[in-house]
N, C-alpha and C. Protein backbone atom coordinates (compact mmCIF):
# COMPACT_ATOMS: atom_id res chain seq x y z
N UNK A 1 23.87 -28.45 -12.27
CA UNK A 1 23.94 -26.97 -11.02
C UNK A 1 25.26 -26.85 -11.39
N UNK A 2 25.47 -24.99 -11.02
CA UNK A 2 26.54 -24.45 -11.41
C UNK A 2 26.86 -24.16 -10.00
N UNK A 3 28.20 -24.51 -10.12
CA UNK A 3 29.52 -24.58 -9.15
C UNK A 3 29.76 -22.92 -9.29
N UNK A 4 29.76 -22.29 -8.08
CA UNK A 4 30.73 -20.40 -8.20
C UNK A 4 31.79 -21.41 -7.17
N UNK A 5 33.17 -20.99 -8.48
CA UNK A 5 34.03 -21.01 -7.51
C UNK A 5 35.10 -19.58 -6.80
N UNK A 6 35.66 -20.21 -6.28
CA UNK A 6 36.08 -18.45 -5.41
C UNK A 6 37.61 -18.11 -6.05
N UNK A 7 37.73 -17.06 -6.11
CA UNK A 7 39.38 -16.83 -7.10
C UNK A 7 39.34 -15.70 -6.77
N UNK A 8 40.57 -15.12 -7.29
CA UNK A 8 41.59 -13.98 -7.28
C UNK A 8 42.20 -14.27 -8.38
N UNK A 9 42.31 -12.77 -8.49
CA UNK A 9 43.57 -12.65 -9.40
C UNK A 9 45.30 -12.98 -8.54
N UNK A 10 45.91 -13.90 -9.13
CA UNK A 10 47.27 -14.46 -8.78
C UNK A 10 47.42 -15.08 -7.79
N UNK A 11 46.02 -15.59 -7.30
CA UNK A 11 45.94 -16.90 -5.89
C UNK A 11 46.04 -17.93 -7.13
N UNK A 12 46.94 -19.00 -5.67
CA UNK A 12 47.04 -20.30 -6.76
C UNK A 12 46.72 -21.35 -5.88
N UNK A 13 46.20 -21.09 -4.35
CA UNK A 13 46.36 -22.11 -3.55
C UNK A 13 44.61 -22.68 -3.62
N UNK A 14 44.85 -24.45 -3.32
CA UNK A 14 44.02 -24.74 -3.42
C UNK A 14 42.82 -24.39 -3.12
N UNK A 15 42.82 -23.67 -2.09
CA UNK A 15 41.10 -23.65 -1.91
C UNK A 15 40.69 -22.37 -2.11
N UNK A 16 41.33 -21.68 -2.70
CA UNK A 16 40.28 -20.73 -3.80
C UNK A 16 39.97 -21.14 -4.62
N UNK A 17 40.22 -22.23 -4.99
CA UNK A 17 39.49 -22.83 -6.05
C UNK A 17 38.52 -23.76 -6.34
N UNK A 18 38.14 -24.49 -4.89
CA UNK A 18 36.95 -24.91 -4.46
C UNK A 18 36.14 -24.44 -4.90
N UNK A 19 34.80 -25.47 -4.79
CA UNK A 19 33.22 -24.89 -5.26
C UNK A 19 32.84 -24.01 -3.83
N UNK A 20 31.98 -22.85 -3.87
CA UNK A 20 31.40 -22.38 -2.89
C UNK A 20 30.24 -23.50 -2.52
N UNK A 21 29.69 -23.05 -0.97
CA UNK A 21 28.52 -24.09 -0.49
C UNK A 21 27.43 -23.44 -1.45
N UNK A 22 26.57 -23.74 -1.47
CA UNK A 22 24.75 -22.88 -1.67
C UNK A 22 24.59 -21.86 -1.04
N UNK A 23 24.13 -21.15 -1.64
CA UNK A 23 23.16 -20.32 -1.03
C UNK A 23 21.67 -20.62 -0.34
N UNK A 24 21.77 -20.34 1.08
CA UNK A 24 20.77 -20.97 1.46
C UNK A 24 19.60 -19.05 1.93
N UNK A 25 18.72 -19.31 1.33
CA UNK A 25 17.64 -17.95 1.57
C UNK A 25 16.32 -18.99 2.70
N UNK A 26 15.40 -17.62 3.34
CA UNK A 26 14.42 -18.27 3.78
C UNK A 26 13.79 -16.90 3.63
N UNK A 27 12.52 -17.23 4.00
CA UNK A 27 11.57 -16.25 3.68
C UNK A 27 10.39 -16.40 4.81
N UNK A 28 10.26 -15.51 5.72
CA UNK A 28 9.50 -15.41 6.74
C UNK A 28 8.16 -14.33 6.77
N UNK A 29 6.83 -15.09 7.00
CA UNK A 29 5.78 -14.57 7.59
C UNK A 29 5.11 -14.49 8.65
N UNK A 30 5.03 -13.60 8.85
CA UNK A 30 4.03 -12.99 10.61
C UNK A 30 2.86 -12.19 10.02
N UNK A 31 1.90 -13.48 10.97
CA UNK A 31 0.54 -12.74 10.79
C UNK A 31 0.61 -12.13 12.17
N UNK A 32 0.13 -11.02 12.56
CA UNK A 32 -0.48 -10.73 14.41
C UNK A 32 -2.12 -11.01 14.18
N UNK A 33 -2.72 -11.29 14.91
CA UNK A 33 -4.11 -11.17 15.18
C UNK A 33 -4.23 -10.60 15.72
N UNK A 34 -5.43 -9.82 15.28
CA UNK A 34 -5.75 -8.17 16.21
C UNK A 34 -4.95 -7.40 15.81
N UNK A 35 -4.32 -7.02 14.51
CA UNK A 35 -3.35 -6.09 14.10
C UNK A 35 -4.29 -4.92 14.27
N UNK A 36 -4.12 -3.51 14.71
CA UNK A 36 -5.00 -2.54 14.52
C UNK A 36 -4.33 -1.36 13.56
N UNK A 37 -4.65 -1.12 12.29
CA UNK A 37 -4.23 0.06 11.54
C UNK A 37 -4.28 1.82 12.04
N UNK A 38 -2.82 2.31 12.32
CA UNK A 38 -2.94 3.24 12.97
C UNK A 38 -3.92 4.04 11.82
N UNK A 39 -4.78 5.09 13.04
CA UNK A 39 -5.40 5.81 13.08
C UNK A 39 -4.48 6.45 11.81
N UNK A 40 -5.50 7.40 10.93
CA UNK A 40 -4.87 8.11 9.75
C UNK A 40 -4.85 7.31 8.91
N UNK A 41 -4.09 5.85 8.37
CA UNK A 41 -3.85 5.13 7.39
C UNK A 41 -5.07 4.40 6.76
N UNK A 42 -5.27 5.06 5.75
CA UNK A 42 -5.97 4.55 4.32
C UNK A 42 -6.05 2.69 4.04
N UNK A 43 -6.58 1.71 4.22
CA UNK A 43 -5.47 0.59 2.95
C UNK A 43 -6.97 0.83 1.96
N UNK A 44 -6.23 -0.05 0.30
CA UNK A 44 -6.97 0.07 -0.93
C UNK A 44 -6.68 -1.75 -0.99
N UNK A 45 -7.70 -1.88 -1.76
CA UNK A 45 -7.23 -3.41 -2.08
C UNK A 45 -7.94 -3.52 -3.72
N UNK A 46 -6.92 -4.05 -4.80
CA UNK A 46 -7.39 -4.17 -6.09
C UNK A 46 -8.05 -5.56 -5.94
N UNK A 47 -9.60 -5.60 -6.28
CA UNK A 47 -10.12 -6.91 -6.35
C UNK A 47 -9.84 -7.88 -7.57
N UNK A 48 -9.28 -9.45 -7.46
CA UNK A 48 -8.77 -9.91 -8.39
C UNK A 48 -10.03 -11.12 -8.93
N UNK A 49 -9.63 -11.71 -10.13
CA UNK A 49 -10.57 -12.69 -10.42
C UNK A 49 -11.17 -13.19 -9.21
N UNK A 50 -11.94 -14.07 -9.43
CA UNK A 50 -12.38 -15.46 -7.97
C UNK A 50 -12.72 -14.68 -6.65
N UNK A 51 -12.25 -13.03 -6.52
CA UNK A 51 -12.86 -12.33 -5.04
C UNK A 51 -14.50 -12.30 -4.99
N UNK A 52 -14.70 -12.81 -3.37
CA UNK A 52 -15.66 -11.77 -3.34
C UNK A 52 -16.01 -11.52 -1.76
N UNK A 53 -16.74 -10.36 -1.69
CA UNK A 53 -16.60 -9.41 -0.65
C UNK A 53 -16.77 -10.89 0.51
N UNK A 54 -16.65 -11.89 0.89
CA UNK A 54 -17.01 -12.83 2.19
C UNK A 54 -15.37 -13.12 1.87
N UNK A 55 -14.65 -13.44 1.08
CA UNK A 55 -13.18 -13.50 1.33
C UNK A 55 -12.51 -12.58 1.32
N UNK A 56 -12.64 -11.27 1.27
CA UNK A 56 -11.64 -10.24 1.11
C UNK A 56 -12.08 -9.90 2.67
N UNK A 57 -13.10 -9.59 3.14
CA UNK A 57 -13.77 -9.65 4.14
C UNK A 57 -12.87 -10.27 5.46
N UNK A 58 -13.12 -11.68 5.18
CA UNK A 58 -12.32 -12.74 6.36
C UNK A 58 -11.03 -12.35 6.17
N UNK A 59 -10.67 -11.59 4.77
CA UNK A 59 -8.65 -12.11 4.96
C UNK A 59 -8.27 -10.67 5.49
N UNK A 60 -9.95 -9.33 5.77
CA UNK A 60 -8.69 -8.47 6.67
C UNK A 60 -9.39 -8.51 7.84
N UNK A 61 -10.50 -8.73 8.32
CA UNK A 61 -10.80 -9.28 9.48
C UNK A 61 -12.12 -8.46 9.62
N UNK A 62 -12.96 -7.98 8.69
CA UNK A 62 -13.31 -6.86 8.74
C UNK A 62 -14.88 -8.03 8.14
N UNK A 63 -16.02 -6.54 8.32
CA UNK A 63 -17.43 -7.60 7.87
C UNK A 63 -17.53 -7.15 6.35
N UNK A 64 -18.52 -7.90 5.57
CA UNK A 64 -18.73 -7.85 4.61
C UNK A 64 -19.60 -6.00 4.18
N UNK A 65 -20.56 -6.40 5.68
CA UNK A 65 -21.24 -5.05 5.34
C UNK A 65 -20.67 -3.91 5.42
N UNK A 66 -19.15 -4.04 6.54
CA UNK A 66 -18.29 -2.75 6.75
C UNK A 66 -17.77 -1.73 5.04
N UNK A 67 -17.67 -3.30 4.46
CA UNK A 67 -16.99 -3.44 3.12
C UNK A 67 -17.68 -2.55 1.86
N UNK A 68 -19.31 -2.99 2.40
CA UNK A 68 -20.64 -2.63 1.15
C UNK A 68 -20.80 -0.99 1.45
N UNK A 69 -20.34 -0.94 3.06
CA UNK A 69 -20.78 0.79 3.18
C UNK A 69 -19.72 1.77 3.18
N UNK A 70 -18.65 0.95 3.43
CA UNK A 70 -17.17 2.42 3.26
C UNK A 70 -17.05 2.39 1.59
N UNK A 71 -17.40 1.20 0.63
CA UNK A 71 -17.09 2.00 -0.39
C UNK A 71 -18.25 2.03 -1.49
N UNK A 72 -20.07 2.10 -0.71
CA UNK A 72 -21.24 2.64 -1.34
C UNK A 72 -21.66 1.43 -2.61
N UNK A 73 -21.26 0.12 -2.54
CA UNK A 73 -21.17 -1.12 -3.04
C UNK A 73 -22.85 -1.47 -3.23
N UNK A 74 -23.66 -1.23 -4.85
CA UNK A 74 -25.45 -1.42 -4.50
C UNK A 74 -25.17 -2.33 -4.90
N UNK A 75 -24.42 -3.14 -5.98
CA UNK A 75 -24.81 -5.28 -5.78
C UNK A 75 -23.53 -5.68 -5.49
N UNK A 76 -24.15 -6.28 -3.76
CA UNK A 76 -22.92 -6.88 -3.47
C UNK A 76 -22.56 -8.28 -4.15
N UNK A 77 -23.35 -8.57 -4.93
CA UNK A 77 -23.24 -10.18 -5.73
C UNK A 77 -22.38 -9.82 -6.98
N UNK A 78 -22.19 -8.78 -6.94
CA UNK A 78 -21.62 -8.29 -8.62
C UNK A 78 -20.62 -7.01 -8.25
N UNK A 79 -19.47 -7.55 -7.92
CA UNK A 79 -18.38 -6.65 -7.76
C UNK A 79 -17.29 -7.00 -8.50
N UNK A 80 -16.82 -6.02 -9.85
CA UNK A 80 -15.65 -7.02 -10.63
C UNK A 80 -14.49 -6.92 -10.19
N UNK A 81 -13.90 -7.85 -11.14
CA UNK A 81 -12.34 -7.59 -10.85
C UNK A 81 -11.44 -6.52 -11.28
N UNK A 82 -10.51 -5.90 -10.60
CA UNK A 82 -10.40 -4.23 -11.08
C UNK A 82 -10.45 -3.23 -10.57
N UNK A 83 -11.72 -3.20 -9.32
CA UNK A 83 -12.36 -2.54 -8.68
C UNK A 83 -11.36 -2.38 -7.53
N UNK A 84 -10.98 -0.96 -7.11
CA UNK A 84 -10.37 -0.88 -5.97
C UNK A 84 -11.34 -0.32 -4.88
N UNK A 85 -11.46 -1.37 -3.84
CA UNK A 85 -12.48 -0.86 -2.59
C UNK A 85 -11.41 -0.23 -1.45
N UNK A 86 -12.12 0.51 -0.46
CA UNK A 86 -11.19 0.94 0.31
C UNK A 86 -11.81 -0.19 1.79
N UNK A 87 -10.56 -0.82 2.24
CA UNK A 87 -10.87 -1.55 4.05
C UNK A 87 -10.99 -0.77 4.79
N UNK A 88 -12.45 -0.78 5.47
CA UNK A 88 -12.63 -0.02 6.88
C UNK A 88 -11.53 -0.54 7.49
N UNK A 89 -10.91 0.44 8.55
CA UNK A 89 -10.19 0.10 9.55
C UNK A 89 -10.86 0.34 11.14
N UNK A 90 -10.41 0.18 12.22
CA UNK A 90 -10.80 0.36 13.38
C UNK A 90 -11.81 -0.13 13.49
N UNK A 91 -12.35 -1.45 12.77
CA UNK A 91 -13.37 -2.41 13.01
C UNK A 91 -13.03 -3.87 13.80
N UNK A 92 -13.82 -4.31 14.37
CA UNK A 92 -13.64 -5.18 15.39
C UNK A 92 -14.59 -6.40 15.21
N UNK A 93 -14.06 -7.22 14.80
CA UNK A 93 -14.62 -8.84 14.64
C UNK A 93 -15.15 -10.09 15.56
N UNK A 94 -15.76 -9.77 16.23
CA UNK A 94 -16.05 -10.57 17.21
C UNK A 94 -16.55 -12.19 16.45
N UNK A 95 -15.17 -12.82 17.43
CA UNK A 95 -16.25 -14.73 16.82
C UNK A 95 -17.72 -15.06 17.32
N UNK A 96 -17.34 -15.17 19.06
CA UNK A 96 -18.22 -15.56 19.87
C UNK A 96 -18.88 -14.82 20.65
N UNK A 97 -20.18 -14.86 21.40
CA UNK A 97 -20.41 -13.63 22.51
C UNK A 97 -19.91 -14.00 23.49
N UNK A 98 -19.37 -13.11 24.35
CA UNK A 98 -19.02 -13.06 25.29
C UNK A 98 -19.86 -13.46 26.37
N UNK A 99 -19.11 -14.63 27.31
CA UNK A 99 -19.39 -15.18 28.53
C UNK A 99 -19.50 -14.24 30.10
N UNK A 100 -20.54 -13.90 30.58
CA UNK A 100 -20.06 -13.69 32.14
C UNK A 100 -20.55 -15.11 33.56
N UNK A 101 -19.97 -14.64 34.17
CA UNK A 101 -20.33 -15.65 34.95
C UNK A 101 -20.96 -14.72 36.28
N UNK A 102 -21.81 -15.53 36.84
CA UNK A 102 -22.28 -14.70 38.34
C UNK A 102 -21.59 -15.38 38.85
N UNK A 103 -21.94 -14.36 40.06
CA UNK A 103 -21.13 -14.39 41.54
C UNK A 103 -21.71 -14.33 42.24
């Protein structure tokens, strides 16, 4: 382990020669469910090896069909890595049928 010693020209006190404590860094990630893309902003994604339209759609919260339609994909089972596709915005994916209460 490398220790960093604080020192200044001409300083001879003991504290100036003691090792400094390690620097701690943190990284935070925030995911906000239901986030919408502001109107007029377009998002694109470059497909990586192993990606599927299903995994891309799930990751961006859109439907597979919306990816196919927005990008004029002729064969959804053969989408090559390296292809850049547009992620459609303004789509709401509903996981469950809404329930109603009768009064």
